Amino acid sequence: MVSRRKVIKVGAGGLVVAPLLVVPVLRAAGADVFVAGDQGAAPAPPGPVKTVRKSPGPGLPAPGYVAGAVTLRDGDHLLVRTSDGDRVVRLANAAIWKGEAVPPSAVAMGDDIIASGTVLADGTVEARTLDVNIAQVRGVVTATIGPGAWMARDKFGREFELRIDPLKPPVEILVGGLPTSAADVGDPVPGHSFIAIGLLLADGSIRVTRLYY
């Protein structure tokens, strides 16, 4: 909500009353932080590092935002195929999330990445954060298939297999808005709605790193 206050200025003609808009900062659980009124900002999927950035205009992503597949790697530089063409991303100083914090060497050819950083003079993006193979599913549980594993369907009818790895448990679980440990969460019940964010594995399943239901 935008609140209004009044600022009183003293000028040559006496007192002037002018409105001042106080714009709050919006914060979404597990998401990046955006400034209210920054319409058209393209948020990156949640990772371990939260950033603040503004869009250059409605419907346009921030200049330092890159999303696509890694097609070539040369040392700390990645060539990323995006919907707008190829971009070069440097990841030497990036906080990298691939289901957990990983070193730059964990980023491989074919990985889908989302980078956020600073655009250098030559057009290279110096990444501050890099999320790798992150998937987000909003859907309904259709069946449990084992301890910590279930099938789900989204609103488009697509089927997903999700699982919780006890050796690499989710960094955040909210059940009814309350924090819950992986040991206490139990198996999702068929028919329940949920949102899951996690790592897309080679077999097509998703290892859940954040779960909300």
N, C-alpha and C. Protein backbone atom coordinates (compact mmCIF):
# COMPACT_ATOMS: atom_id res chain seq x y z
N MET A 1 0.85 -1.18 0.00
CA MET A 1 0.00 0.00 0.00
C MET A 1 0.89 1.23 0.00
N VAL A 2 0.55 2.22 -0.80
CA VAL A 2 1.32 3.46 -0.87
C VAL A 2 0.72 4.45 0.09
N SER A 3 1.52 4.94 1.03
CA SER A 3 1.03 5.90 2.00
C SER A 3 1.43 7.30 1.57
N ARG A 4 0.67 8.29 2.00
CA ARG A 4 0.95 9.67 1.65
C ARG A 4 1.26 10.47 2.90
N ARG A 5 2.30 11.27 2.82
CA ARG A 5 2.62 12.20 3.88
C ARG A 5 2.70 13.59 3.26
N LYS A 6 2.82 14.60 4.09
CA LYS A 6 2.96 15.95 3.57
C LYS A 6 4.29 16.53 4.01
N VAL A 7 4.95 17.16 3.06
CA VAL A 7 6.22 17.82 3.35
C VAL A 7 6.00 19.31 3.25
N ILE A 8 6.40 20.05 4.25
CA ILE A 8 6.22 21.50 4.25
C ILE A 8 7.55 22.15 3.93
N LYS A 9 7.58 22.90 2.84
CA LYS A 9 8.79 23.59 2.43
C LYS A 9 8.61 25.09 2.66
N VAL A 10 9.67 25.74 3.02
CA VAL A 10 9.64 27.19 3.21
C VAL A 10 10.31 27.83 2.01
N GLY A 11 9.57 28.64 1.27
CA GLY A 11 10.11 29.31 0.11
C GLY A 11 9.90 30.81 0.22
N ALA A 12 10.30 31.49 -0.84
CA ALA A 12 10.17 32.94 -0.82
C ALA A 12 8.72 33.36 -0.71
N GLY A 13 7.82 32.55 -1.25
CA GLY A 13 6.41 32.92 -1.23
C GLY A 13 5.67 32.41 -0.02
N GLY A 14 6.36 31.82 0.95
CA GLY A 14 5.70 31.32 2.14
C GLY A 14 5.76 29.81 2.21
N LEU A 15 4.74 29.19 2.81
CA LEU A 15 4.72 27.74 2.99
C LEU A 15 4.12 27.06 1.78
N VAL A 16 4.75 25.98 1.36
CA VAL A 16 4.25 25.18 0.25
C VAL A 16 4.04 23.76 0.75
N VAL A 17 2.85 23.22 0.56
CA VAL A 17 2.56 21.85 0.98
C VAL A 17 2.59 20.95 -0.25
N ALA A 18 3.43 19.93 -0.22
CA ALA A 18 3.57 19.03 -1.37
C ALA A 18 3.41 17.60 -0.91
N PRO A 19 2.77 16.74 -1.71
CA PRO A 19 2.61 15.33 -1.32
C PRO A 19 3.91 14.57 -1.51
N LEU A 20 4.16 13.65 -0.62
CA LEU A 20 5.32 12.77 -0.72
C LEU A 20 4.83 11.34 -0.75
N LEU A 21 5.20 10.59 -1.78
CA LEU A 21 4.81 9.18 -1.88
C LEU A 21 5.87 8.33 -1.23
N VAL A 22 5.46 7.49 -0.31
CA VAL A 22 6.37 6.55 0.33
C VAL A 22 6.12 5.19 -0.28
N VAL A 23 7.08 4.68 -1.05
CA VAL A 23 6.90 3.43 -1.78
C VAL A 23 7.57 2.31 -1.01
N PRO A 24 6.81 1.29 -0.59
CA PRO A 24 7.40 0.19 0.18
C PRO A 24 8.15 -0.77 -0.71
N VAL A 25 9.00 -1.56 -0.11
CA VAL A 25 9.70 -2.63 -0.83
C VAL A 25 8.93 -3.92 -0.62
N LEU A 26 8.65 -4.64 -1.70
CA LEU A 26 7.92 -5.89 -1.63
C LEU A 26 8.90 -7.03 -1.54
N ARG A 27 8.60 -8.01 -0.71
CA ARG A 27 9.47 -9.17 -0.55
C ARG A 27 8.61 -10.42 -0.64
N ALA A 28 8.98 -11.35 -1.52
CA ALA A 28 8.26 -12.62 -1.66
C ALA A 28 9.11 -13.72 -1.06
N ALA A 29 8.46 -14.67 -0.40
CA ALA A 29 9.20 -15.76 0.24
C ALA A 29 10.00 -16.53 -0.79
N GLY A 30 11.30 -16.65 -0.54
CA GLY A 30 12.16 -17.43 -1.42
C GLY A 30 12.43 -16.76 -2.75
N ALA A 31 12.06 -15.49 -2.91
CA ALA A 31 12.24 -14.84 -4.20
C ALA A 31 13.16 -13.65 -4.06
N ASP A 32 13.57 -13.09 -5.20
CA ASP A 32 14.35 -11.87 -5.18
C ASP A 32 13.50 -10.72 -4.68
N VAL A 33 14.14 -9.61 -4.37
CA VAL A 33 13.44 -8.44 -3.85
C VAL A 33 13.30 -7.43 -4.97
N PHE A 34 12.11 -6.86 -5.13
CA PHE A 34 11.87 -5.86 -6.15
C PHE A 34 11.24 -4.63 -5.54
N VAL A 35 11.47 -3.51 -6.17
CA VAL A 35 10.91 -2.26 -5.67
C VAL A 35 9.50 -2.10 -6.18
N ALA A 36 8.57 -1.76 -5.28
CA ALA A 36 7.18 -1.56 -5.68
C ALA A 36 7.11 -0.50 -6.75
N GLY A 37 6.25 -0.74 -7.74
CA GLY A 37 6.12 0.20 -8.84
C GLY A 37 7.04 -0.12 -9.99
N ASP A 38 7.93 -1.09 -9.80
CA ASP A 38 8.85 -1.49 -10.86
C ASP A 38 8.17 -2.53 -11.72
N GLN A 39 7.19 -2.14 -12.48
CA GLN A 39 6.40 -3.07 -13.27
C GLN A 39 7.23 -3.64 -14.39
N GLY A 40 7.03 -4.92 -14.65
CA GLY A 40 7.72 -5.55 -15.76
C GLY A 40 9.03 -6.19 -15.38
N ALA A 41 9.45 -6.11 -14.11
CA ALA A 41 10.69 -6.75 -13.71
C ALA A 41 10.55 -8.25 -13.87
N ALA A 42 11.60 -8.91 -14.33
CA ALA A 42 11.56 -10.35 -14.55
C ALA A 42 12.32 -11.03 -13.43
N PRO A 43 11.63 -11.61 -12.43
CA PRO A 43 12.33 -12.21 -11.30
C PRO A 43 13.01 -13.51 -11.69
N ALA A 44 14.18 -13.74 -11.13
CA ALA A 44 14.86 -15.01 -11.30
C ALA A 44 14.30 -16.01 -10.32
N PRO A 45 14.31 -17.32 -10.67
CA PRO A 45 13.89 -18.33 -9.71
C PRO A 45 14.71 -18.22 -8.44
N PRO A 46 14.14 -18.57 -7.32
CA PRO A 46 14.81 -18.38 -6.05
C PRO A 46 16.12 -19.11 -5.96
N GLY A 47 17.10 -18.50 -5.33
CA GLY A 47 18.38 -19.08 -5.05
C GLY A 47 18.80 -18.69 -3.65
N PRO A 48 20.03 -18.98 -3.27
CA PRO A 48 20.45 -18.71 -1.90
C PRO A 48 20.77 -17.26 -1.63
N VAL A 49 20.92 -16.44 -2.69
CA VAL A 49 21.31 -15.05 -2.50
C VAL A 49 20.18 -14.15 -2.98
N LYS A 50 19.79 -13.17 -2.18
CA LYS A 50 18.73 -12.25 -2.56
C LYS A 50 19.35 -10.95 -3.06
N THR A 51 18.81 -10.41 -4.14
CA THR A 51 19.36 -9.21 -4.73
C THR A 51 18.27 -8.18 -4.93
N VAL A 52 18.67 -6.95 -5.16
CA VAL A 52 17.74 -5.88 -5.48
C VAL A 52 18.10 -5.35 -6.85
N ARG A 53 17.14 -5.29 -7.75
CA ARG A 53 17.41 -4.75 -9.07
C ARG A 53 16.15 -4.15 -9.64
N LYS A 54 16.30 -3.23 -10.58
CA LYS A 54 15.16 -2.58 -11.20
C LYS A 54 15.17 -2.84 -12.69
N SER A 55 14.00 -2.96 -13.26
CA SER A 55 13.86 -3.15 -14.69
C SER A 55 14.05 -1.83 -15.41
N PRO A 56 14.60 -1.85 -16.63
CA PRO A 56 14.75 -0.61 -17.39
C PRO A 56 13.44 -0.09 -17.94
N GLY A 57 12.39 -0.86 -17.88
CA GLY A 57 11.10 -0.41 -18.39
C GLY A 57 10.10 -1.53 -18.38
N PRO A 58 8.81 -1.22 -18.59
CA PRO A 58 7.77 -2.25 -18.55
C PRO A 58 8.05 -3.39 -19.52
N GLY A 59 8.00 -4.62 -19.01
CA GLY A 59 8.14 -5.79 -19.85
C GLY A 59 9.56 -6.14 -20.23
N LEU A 60 10.54 -5.37 -19.76
CA LEU A 60 11.92 -5.62 -20.14
C LEU A 60 12.71 -6.12 -18.94
N PRO A 61 13.51 -7.19 -19.12
CA PRO A 61 14.32 -7.67 -18.01
C PRO A 61 15.48 -6.71 -17.74
N ALA A 62 16.05 -6.81 -16.56
CA ALA A 62 17.22 -6.00 -16.24
C ALA A 62 18.35 -6.35 -17.19
N PRO A 63 19.21 -5.37 -17.55
CA PRO A 63 20.29 -5.64 -18.51
C PRO A 63 21.22 -6.76 -18.08
N GLY A 64 21.42 -6.91 -16.77
CA GLY A 64 22.32 -7.94 -16.27
C GLY A 64 21.66 -9.27 -16.02
N TYR A 65 20.46 -9.48 -16.57
CA TYR A 65 19.71 -10.73 -16.39
C TYR A 65 19.89 -11.59 -17.63
N VAL A 66 20.37 -12.82 -17.46
CA VAL A 66 20.58 -13.74 -18.59
C VAL A 66 19.98 -15.09 -18.23
N ALA A 67 19.14 -15.62 -19.13
CA ALA A 67 18.54 -16.94 -18.92
C ALA A 67 18.66 -17.75 -20.20
N GLY A 68 19.22 -18.95 -20.09
CA GLY A 68 19.35 -19.79 -21.27
C GLY A 68 20.20 -21.01 -20.99
N ALA A 69 20.63 -21.68 -22.07
CA ALA A 69 21.40 -22.91 -21.95
C ALA A 69 22.87 -22.65 -22.27
N VAL A 70 23.75 -23.29 -21.50
CA VAL A 70 25.19 -23.16 -21.72
C VAL A 70 25.57 -23.97 -22.96
N THR A 71 26.12 -23.30 -23.97
CA THR A 71 26.52 -23.98 -25.20
C THR A 71 28.03 -24.10 -25.35
N LEU A 72 28.78 -23.31 -24.58
CA LEU A 72 30.24 -23.34 -24.68
C LEU A 72 30.81 -22.82 -23.37
N ARG A 73 31.93 -23.40 -22.96
CA ARG A 73 32.60 -22.92 -21.75
C ARG A 73 34.08 -22.75 -22.04
N ASP A 74 34.62 -21.61 -21.61
CA ASP A 74 36.04 -21.32 -21.76
C ASP A 74 36.52 -20.73 -20.44
N GLY A 75 37.09 -21.58 -19.59
CA GLY A 75 37.51 -21.13 -18.27
C GLY A 75 36.33 -20.67 -17.44
N ASP A 76 36.37 -19.41 -16.99
CA ASP A 76 35.29 -18.85 -16.19
C ASP A 76 34.21 -18.18 -17.03
N HIS A 77 34.29 -18.31 -18.35
CA HIS A 77 33.32 -17.67 -19.23
C HIS A 77 32.38 -18.71 -19.84
N LEU A 78 31.09 -18.37 -19.85
CA LEU A 78 30.08 -19.23 -20.45
C LEU A 78 29.47 -18.53 -21.64
N LEU A 79 29.22 -19.28 -22.70
CA LEU A 79 28.41 -18.78 -23.80
C LEU A 79 27.01 -19.34 -23.59
N VAL A 80 26.03 -18.45 -23.46
CA VAL A 80 24.67 -18.86 -23.10
C VAL A 80 23.72 -18.52 -24.25
N ARG A 81 22.99 -19.52 -24.73
CA ARG A 81 22.01 -19.33 -25.79
C ARG A 81 20.69 -18.89 -25.16
N THR A 82 20.27 -17.65 -25.43
CA THR A 82 19.03 -17.12 -24.88
C THR A 82 18.02 -16.92 -26.00
N SER A 83 16.81 -16.51 -25.65
CA SER A 83 15.78 -16.26 -26.65
C SER A 83 16.11 -15.05 -27.52
N ASP A 84 17.06 -14.22 -27.06
CA ASP A 84 17.45 -13.02 -27.81
C ASP A 84 18.83 -13.15 -28.44
N GLY A 85 19.39 -14.37 -28.44
CA GLY A 85 20.72 -14.56 -29.01
C GLY A 85 21.71 -15.01 -27.95
N ASP A 86 22.98 -15.07 -28.33
CA ASP A 86 24.02 -15.55 -27.42
C ASP A 86 24.51 -14.43 -26.51
N ARG A 87 24.76 -14.78 -25.24
CA ARG A 87 25.33 -13.85 -24.27
C ARG A 87 26.52 -14.52 -23.60
N VAL A 88 27.49 -13.71 -23.20
CA VAL A 88 28.66 -14.23 -22.49
C VAL A 88 28.51 -13.88 -21.01
N VAL A 89 28.69 -14.88 -20.16
CA VAL A 89 28.56 -14.70 -18.71
C VAL A 89 29.87 -15.13 -18.05
N ARG A 90 30.39 -14.27 -17.19
CA ARG A 90 31.59 -14.60 -16.42
C ARG A 90 31.16 -14.96 -15.01
N LEU A 91 31.60 -16.13 -14.52
CA LEU A 91 31.09 -16.62 -13.24
C LEU A 91 32.15 -16.73 -12.15
N ALA A 92 33.31 -16.12 -12.35
CA ALA A 92 34.40 -16.26 -11.38
C ALA A 92 34.01 -15.80 -9.99
N ASN A 93 33.18 -14.76 -9.89
CA ASN A 93 32.82 -14.19 -8.59
C ASN A 93 31.36 -14.42 -8.22
N ALA A 94 30.71 -15.37 -8.89
CA ALA A 94 29.28 -15.59 -8.68
C ALA A 94 29.01 -16.55 -7.53
N ALA A 95 27.90 -16.29 -6.83
CA ALA A 95 27.36 -17.26 -5.88
C ALA A 95 26.48 -18.21 -6.69
N ILE A 96 26.87 -19.47 -6.77
CA ILE A 96 26.23 -20.42 -7.69
C ILE A 96 25.38 -21.42 -6.90
N TRP A 97 24.16 -21.62 -7.38
CA TRP A 97 23.20 -22.51 -6.73
C TRP A 97 22.76 -23.59 -7.72
N LYS A 98 23.06 -24.84 -7.39
CA LYS A 98 22.66 -25.98 -8.23
C LYS A 98 22.05 -27.03 -7.30
N GLY A 99 20.94 -26.63 -6.67
CA GLY A 99 20.34 -27.47 -5.64
C GLY A 99 21.01 -27.28 -4.30
N GLU A 100 22.20 -26.71 -4.32
CA GLU A 100 23.01 -26.36 -3.15
C GLU A 100 24.11 -25.44 -3.66
N ALA A 101 24.83 -24.81 -2.75
CA ALA A 101 25.94 -23.95 -3.17
C ALA A 101 27.04 -24.82 -3.77
N VAL A 102 27.50 -24.45 -4.97
CA VAL A 102 28.52 -25.23 -5.67
C VAL A 102 29.59 -24.30 -6.23
N PRO A 103 30.78 -24.83 -6.55
CA PRO A 103 31.83 -24.02 -7.16
C PRO A 103 31.57 -23.84 -8.65
N PRO A 104 32.27 -22.90 -9.29
CA PRO A 104 32.08 -22.67 -10.73
C PRO A 104 32.29 -23.93 -11.58
N SER A 105 33.14 -24.83 -11.13
CA SER A 105 33.42 -26.05 -11.90
C SER A 105 32.19 -26.95 -12.04
N ALA A 106 31.16 -26.74 -11.22
CA ALA A 106 29.96 -27.58 -11.28
C ALA A 106 29.04 -27.20 -12.43
N VAL A 107 29.26 -26.05 -13.05
CA VAL A 107 28.42 -25.63 -14.18
C VAL A 107 28.93 -26.33 -15.44
N ALA A 108 28.03 -27.06 -16.12
CA ALA A 108 28.44 -27.89 -17.25
C ALA A 108 27.73 -27.48 -18.53
N MET A 109 28.26 -27.95 -19.64
CA MET A 109 27.63 -27.75 -20.94
C MET A 109 26.22 -28.32 -20.91
N GLY A 110 25.27 -27.59 -21.47
CA GLY A 110 23.89 -28.05 -21.52
C GLY A 110 23.06 -27.63 -20.32
N ASP A 111 23.71 -27.14 -19.25
CA ASP A 111 22.96 -26.68 -18.09
C ASP A 111 22.12 -25.46 -18.45
N ASP A 112 20.93 -25.39 -17.88
CA ASP A 112 20.10 -24.19 -18.01
C ASP A 112 20.43 -23.28 -16.84
N ILE A 113 20.76 -22.03 -17.15
CA ILE A 113 21.19 -21.11 -16.10
C ILE A 113 20.37 -19.83 -16.12
N ILE A 114 20.30 -19.21 -14.96
CA ILE A 114 19.75 -17.86 -14.82
C ILE A 114 20.78 -17.06 -14.06
N ALA A 115 21.31 -16.02 -14.70
CA ALA A 115 22.37 -15.21 -14.10
C ALA A 115 21.88 -13.79 -13.86
N SER A 116 22.39 -13.19 -12.81
CA SER A 116 22.10 -11.79 -12.52
C SER A 116 23.41 -11.12 -12.14
N GLY A 117 23.69 -9.99 -12.78
CA GLY A 117 24.96 -9.33 -12.49
C GLY A 117 25.08 -7.99 -13.17
N THR A 118 26.32 -7.62 -13.47
CA THR A 118 26.65 -6.32 -14.04
C THR A 118 27.13 -6.49 -15.47
N VAL A 119 26.64 -5.63 -16.37
CA VAL A 119 27.07 -5.67 -17.76
C VAL A 119 28.36 -4.86 -17.90
N LEU A 120 29.41 -5.51 -18.39
CA LEU A 120 30.69 -4.84 -18.60
C LEU A 120 30.71 -4.12 -19.95
N ALA A 121 31.77 -3.36 -20.18
CA ALA A 121 31.86 -2.54 -21.39
C ALA A 121 31.78 -3.38 -22.67
N ASP A 122 32.31 -4.61 -22.63
CA ASP A 122 32.30 -5.45 -23.84
C ASP A 122 31.02 -6.27 -23.98
N GLY A 123 30.04 -6.06 -23.08
CA GLY A 123 28.78 -6.78 -23.14
C GLY A 123 28.72 -8.03 -22.29
N THR A 124 29.88 -8.46 -21.76
CA THR A 124 29.89 -9.61 -20.87
C THR A 124 29.13 -9.29 -19.58
N VAL A 125 28.39 -10.27 -19.07
CA VAL A 125 27.71 -10.10 -17.80
C VAL A 125 28.57 -10.71 -16.69
N GLU A 126 29.02 -9.87 -15.78
CA GLU A 126 29.77 -10.33 -14.60
C GLU A 126 28.74 -10.78 -13.57
N ALA A 127 28.55 -12.10 -13.46
CA ALA A 127 27.46 -12.63 -12.64
C ALA A 127 27.74 -12.48 -11.15
N ARG A 128 26.72 -12.02 -10.42
CA ARG A 128 26.77 -12.04 -8.96
C ARG A 128 26.11 -13.30 -8.43
N THR A 129 25.00 -13.70 -9.07
CA THR A 129 24.32 -14.94 -8.70
C THR A 129 24.07 -15.75 -9.96
N LEU A 130 24.10 -17.06 -9.81
CA LEU A 130 23.87 -17.96 -10.94
C LEU A 130 23.08 -19.16 -10.43
N ASP A 131 21.86 -19.34 -10.94
CA ASP A 131 21.04 -20.50 -10.60
C ASP A 131 21.10 -21.49 -11.75
N VAL A 132 21.33 -22.76 -11.44
CA VAL A 132 21.55 -23.78 -12.47
C VAL A 132 20.48 -24.87 -12.38
N ASN A 133 19.84 -25.14 -13.53
CA ASN A 133 18.85 -26.23 -13.65
C ASN A 133 17.76 -26.14 -12.58
N ILE A 134 17.31 -24.93 -12.32
CA ILE A 134 16.26 -24.74 -11.32
C ILE A 134 14.90 -24.90 -11.98
N ALA A 135 14.04 -25.69 -11.33
CA ALA A 135 12.68 -25.91 -11.83
C ALA A 135 11.68 -25.47 -10.77
N GLN A 136 10.56 -24.92 -11.21
CA GLN A 136 9.48 -24.57 -10.28
C GLN A 136 8.19 -25.21 -10.76
N VAL A 137 7.50 -25.88 -9.85
CA VAL A 137 6.25 -26.55 -10.18
C VAL A 137 5.16 -26.07 -9.22
N ARG A 138 4.06 -25.63 -9.78
CA ARG A 138 2.87 -25.29 -9.00
C ARG A 138 1.77 -26.24 -9.47
N GLY A 139 1.32 -27.12 -8.59
CA GLY A 139 0.34 -28.10 -9.04
C GLY A 139 -0.36 -28.81 -7.90
N VAL A 140 -0.86 -30.00 -8.22
CA VAL A 140 -1.62 -30.81 -7.27
C VAL A 140 -0.98 -32.20 -7.20
N VAL A 141 -0.84 -32.72 -5.99
CA VAL A 141 -0.30 -34.07 -5.81
C VAL A 141 -1.30 -35.08 -6.37
N THR A 142 -0.81 -35.99 -7.23
CA THR A 142 -1.70 -37.01 -7.80
C THR A 142 -1.47 -38.38 -7.18
N ALA A 143 -0.26 -38.66 -6.70
CA ALA A 143 0.02 -39.97 -6.09
C ALA A 143 1.35 -39.92 -5.36
N THR A 144 1.46 -40.70 -4.28
CA THR A 144 2.75 -40.89 -3.63
C THR A 144 3.36 -42.16 -4.21
N ILE A 145 4.68 -42.13 -4.44
CA ILE A 145 5.34 -43.27 -5.09
C ILE A 145 6.48 -43.82 -4.24
N GLY A 146 6.52 -43.41 -2.99
CA GLY A 146 7.56 -43.89 -2.08
C GLY A 146 7.85 -42.83 -1.04
N PRO A 147 8.67 -43.15 -0.05
CA PRO A 147 9.00 -42.17 0.99
C PRO A 147 9.61 -40.90 0.39
N GLY A 148 8.97 -39.77 0.65
CA GLY A 148 9.49 -38.50 0.17
C GLY A 148 9.42 -38.32 -1.33
N ALA A 149 8.58 -39.08 -2.02
CA ALA A 149 8.48 -38.97 -3.47
C ALA A 149 7.01 -38.98 -3.89
N TRP A 150 6.67 -38.15 -4.86
CA TRP A 150 5.28 -38.09 -5.31
C TRP A 150 5.19 -37.61 -6.75
N MET A 151 4.06 -37.92 -7.35
CA MET A 151 3.74 -37.44 -8.69
C MET A 151 2.79 -36.26 -8.55
N ALA A 152 2.89 -35.34 -9.51
CA ALA A 152 2.05 -34.15 -9.47
C ALA A 152 1.68 -33.73 -10.88
N ARG A 153 0.62 -32.93 -10.97
CA ARG A 153 0.16 -32.41 -12.26
C ARG A 153 -0.06 -30.91 -12.11
N ASP A 154 0.43 -30.14 -13.10
CA ASP A 154 0.21 -28.70 -13.05
C ASP A 154 -1.07 -28.35 -13.82
N LYS A 155 -1.39 -27.06 -13.90
CA LYS A 155 -2.66 -26.64 -14.51
C LYS A 155 -2.69 -26.88 -16.02
N PHE A 156 -1.53 -27.16 -16.62
CA PHE A 156 -1.48 -27.45 -18.05
C PHE A 156 -1.58 -28.95 -18.32
N GLY A 157 -1.72 -29.75 -17.25
CA GLY A 157 -1.83 -31.18 -17.40
C GLY A 157 -0.51 -31.91 -17.48
N ARG A 158 0.60 -31.21 -17.26
CA ARG A 158 1.91 -31.84 -17.32
C ARG A 158 2.18 -32.62 -16.03
N GLU A 159 2.81 -33.78 -16.17
CA GLU A 159 3.11 -34.64 -15.03
C GLU A 159 4.56 -34.44 -14.58
N PHE A 160 4.77 -34.45 -13.27
CA PHE A 160 6.11 -34.29 -12.71
C PHE A 160 6.33 -35.30 -11.60
N GLU A 161 7.57 -35.76 -11.49
CA GLU A 161 7.97 -36.57 -10.34
C GLU A 161 8.87 -35.72 -9.45
N LEU A 162 8.51 -35.62 -8.18
CA LEU A 162 9.28 -34.82 -7.24
C LEU A 162 9.72 -35.70 -6.08
N ARG A 163 10.86 -35.37 -5.52
CA ARG A 163 11.36 -36.16 -4.40
C ARG A 163 12.16 -35.30 -3.44
N ILE A 164 12.15 -35.70 -2.18
CA ILE A 164 12.97 -35.07 -1.15
C ILE A 164 14.10 -36.02 -0.81
N ASP A 165 15.33 -35.55 -0.97
CA ASP A 165 16.51 -36.37 -0.68
C ASP A 165 16.88 -36.17 0.79
N PRO A 166 16.81 -37.21 1.61
CA PRO A 166 17.13 -37.04 3.04
C PRO A 166 18.58 -36.64 3.28
N LEU A 167 19.46 -36.93 2.32
CA LEU A 167 20.87 -36.55 2.46
C LEU A 167 21.10 -35.09 2.07
N LYS A 168 20.18 -34.54 1.27
CA LYS A 168 20.25 -33.13 0.87
C LYS A 168 18.85 -32.53 1.02
N PRO A 169 18.41 -32.37 2.25
CA PRO A 169 17.03 -31.93 2.49
C PRO A 169 16.78 -30.51 2.01
N PRO A 170 15.51 -30.16 1.79
CA PRO A 170 15.18 -28.80 1.36
C PRO A 170 15.69 -27.75 2.34
N VAL A 171 16.05 -26.60 1.80
CA VAL A 171 16.50 -25.51 2.66
C VAL A 171 15.33 -24.78 3.30
N GLU A 172 14.12 -25.00 2.76
CA GLU A 172 12.94 -24.35 3.33
C GLU A 172 11.70 -25.18 3.03
N ILE A 173 10.90 -25.45 4.06
CA ILE A 173 9.60 -26.11 3.91
C ILE A 173 8.59 -25.34 4.75
N LEU A 174 7.50 -24.91 4.11
CA LEU A 174 6.41 -24.26 4.82
C LEU A 174 5.15 -25.08 4.61
N VAL A 175 4.52 -25.49 5.70
CA VAL A 175 3.26 -26.22 5.64
C VAL A 175 2.21 -25.35 6.33
N GLY A 176 1.24 -24.89 5.56
CA GLY A 176 0.25 -23.97 6.11
C GLY A 176 0.88 -22.68 6.58
N GLY A 177 2.00 -22.30 5.95
CA GLY A 177 2.68 -21.07 6.31
C GLY A 177 3.65 -21.21 7.46
N LEU A 178 3.76 -22.41 8.05
CA LEU A 178 4.63 -22.61 9.20
C LEU A 178 5.88 -23.40 8.81
N PRO A 179 7.06 -22.97 9.26
CA PRO A 179 8.30 -23.70 8.96
C PRO A 179 8.23 -25.13 9.50
N THR A 180 8.66 -26.08 8.69
CA THR A 180 8.61 -27.50 9.05
C THR A 180 9.90 -28.17 8.59
N SER A 181 10.41 -29.10 9.37
CA SER A 181 11.62 -29.81 8.98
C SER A 181 11.27 -30.94 8.01
N ALA A 182 12.26 -31.37 7.24
CA ALA A 182 12.04 -32.46 6.29
C ALA A 182 11.64 -33.74 7.01
N ALA A 183 12.15 -33.94 8.23
CA ALA A 183 11.83 -35.15 8.98
C ALA A 183 10.37 -35.18 9.43
N ASP A 184 9.77 -33.99 9.58
CA ASP A 184 8.40 -33.91 10.10
C ASP A 184 7.35 -33.68 9.02
N VAL A 185 7.78 -33.44 7.79
CA VAL A 185 6.82 -33.03 6.77
C VAL A 185 5.90 -34.16 6.34
N GLY A 186 6.38 -35.41 6.31
CA GLY A 186 5.56 -36.51 5.83
C GLY A 186 5.39 -36.45 4.32
N ASP A 187 4.71 -37.42 3.76
CA ASP A 187 4.50 -37.44 2.31
C ASP A 187 3.29 -36.58 1.95
N PRO A 188 3.41 -35.75 0.90
CA PRO A 188 2.26 -34.95 0.46
C PRO A 188 1.06 -35.83 0.16
N VAL A 189 -0.11 -35.36 0.52
CA VAL A 189 -1.35 -36.14 0.36
C VAL A 189 -1.95 -35.86 -1.02
N PRO A 190 -2.35 -36.90 -1.77
CA PRO A 190 -2.99 -36.69 -3.07
C PRO A 190 -4.16 -35.72 -2.95
N GLY A 191 -4.22 -34.80 -3.91
CA GLY A 191 -5.26 -33.78 -3.91
C GLY A 191 -4.82 -32.46 -3.33
N HIS A 192 -3.70 -32.44 -2.61
CA HIS A 192 -3.21 -31.19 -2.01
C HIS A 192 -2.46 -30.36 -3.05
N SER A 193 -2.66 -29.05 -3.00
CA SER A 193 -1.93 -28.13 -3.86
C SER A 193 -0.60 -27.77 -3.22
N PHE A 194 0.38 -27.43 -4.03
CA PHE A 194 1.70 -27.11 -3.51
C PHE A 194 2.47 -26.28 -4.53
N ILE A 195 3.56 -25.69 -4.07
CA ILE A 195 4.56 -25.07 -4.94
C ILE A 195 5.90 -25.66 -4.54
N ALA A 196 6.65 -26.15 -5.51
CA ALA A 196 7.97 -26.72 -5.23
C ALA A 196 9.00 -26.08 -6.15
N ILE A 197 10.16 -25.83 -5.60
CA ILE A 197 11.30 -25.32 -6.36
C ILE A 197 12.45 -26.28 -6.12
N GLY A 198 13.15 -26.65 -7.17
CA GLY A 198 14.22 -27.61 -6.96
C GLY A 198 15.13 -27.78 -8.15
N LEU A 199 15.94 -28.81 -8.07
CA LEU A 199 16.94 -29.10 -9.09
C LEU A 199 16.41 -30.14 -10.06
N LEU A 200 16.42 -29.81 -11.35
CA LEU A 200 16.00 -30.76 -12.38
C LEU A 200 17.12 -31.76 -12.61
N LEU A 201 16.84 -33.04 -12.36
CA LEU A 201 17.85 -34.08 -12.47
C LEU A 201 17.86 -34.68 -13.87
N ALA A 202 18.89 -35.47 -14.14
CA ALA A 202 19.07 -36.04 -15.48
C ALA A 202 17.93 -36.96 -15.88
N ASP A 203 17.27 -37.62 -14.90
CA ASP A 203 16.18 -38.54 -15.24
C ASP A 203 14.84 -37.82 -15.38
N GLY A 204 14.85 -36.49 -15.28
CA GLY A 204 13.62 -35.71 -15.45
C GLY A 204 12.88 -35.43 -14.16
N SER A 205 13.27 -36.07 -13.07
CA SER A 205 12.62 -35.79 -11.78
C SER A 205 13.20 -34.52 -11.18
N ILE A 206 12.55 -34.02 -10.14
CA ILE A 206 12.97 -32.78 -9.50
C ILE A 206 13.30 -33.06 -8.03
N ARG A 207 14.53 -32.73 -7.64
CA ARG A 207 14.90 -32.82 -6.23
C ARG A 207 14.51 -31.52 -5.56
N VAL A 208 13.58 -31.60 -4.63
CA VAL A 208 12.98 -30.41 -4.04
C VAL A 208 13.95 -29.72 -3.09
N THR A 209 14.12 -28.40 -3.28
CA THR A 209 14.94 -27.61 -2.36
C THR A 209 14.09 -26.62 -1.55
N ARG A 210 12.90 -26.29 -2.06
CA ARG A 210 11.95 -25.45 -1.32
C ARG A 210 10.55 -26.00 -1.60
N LEU A 211 9.74 -26.11 -0.53
CA LEU A 211 8.41 -26.69 -0.67
C LEU A 211 7.41 -25.88 0.14
N TYR A 212 6.30 -25.51 -0.51
CA TYR A 212 5.25 -24.73 0.15
C TYR A 212 3.90 -25.40 -0.13
N TYR A 213 3.19 -25.82 0.94
CA TYR A 213 1.84 -26.37 0.75
C TYR A 213 1.07 -26.38 2.06
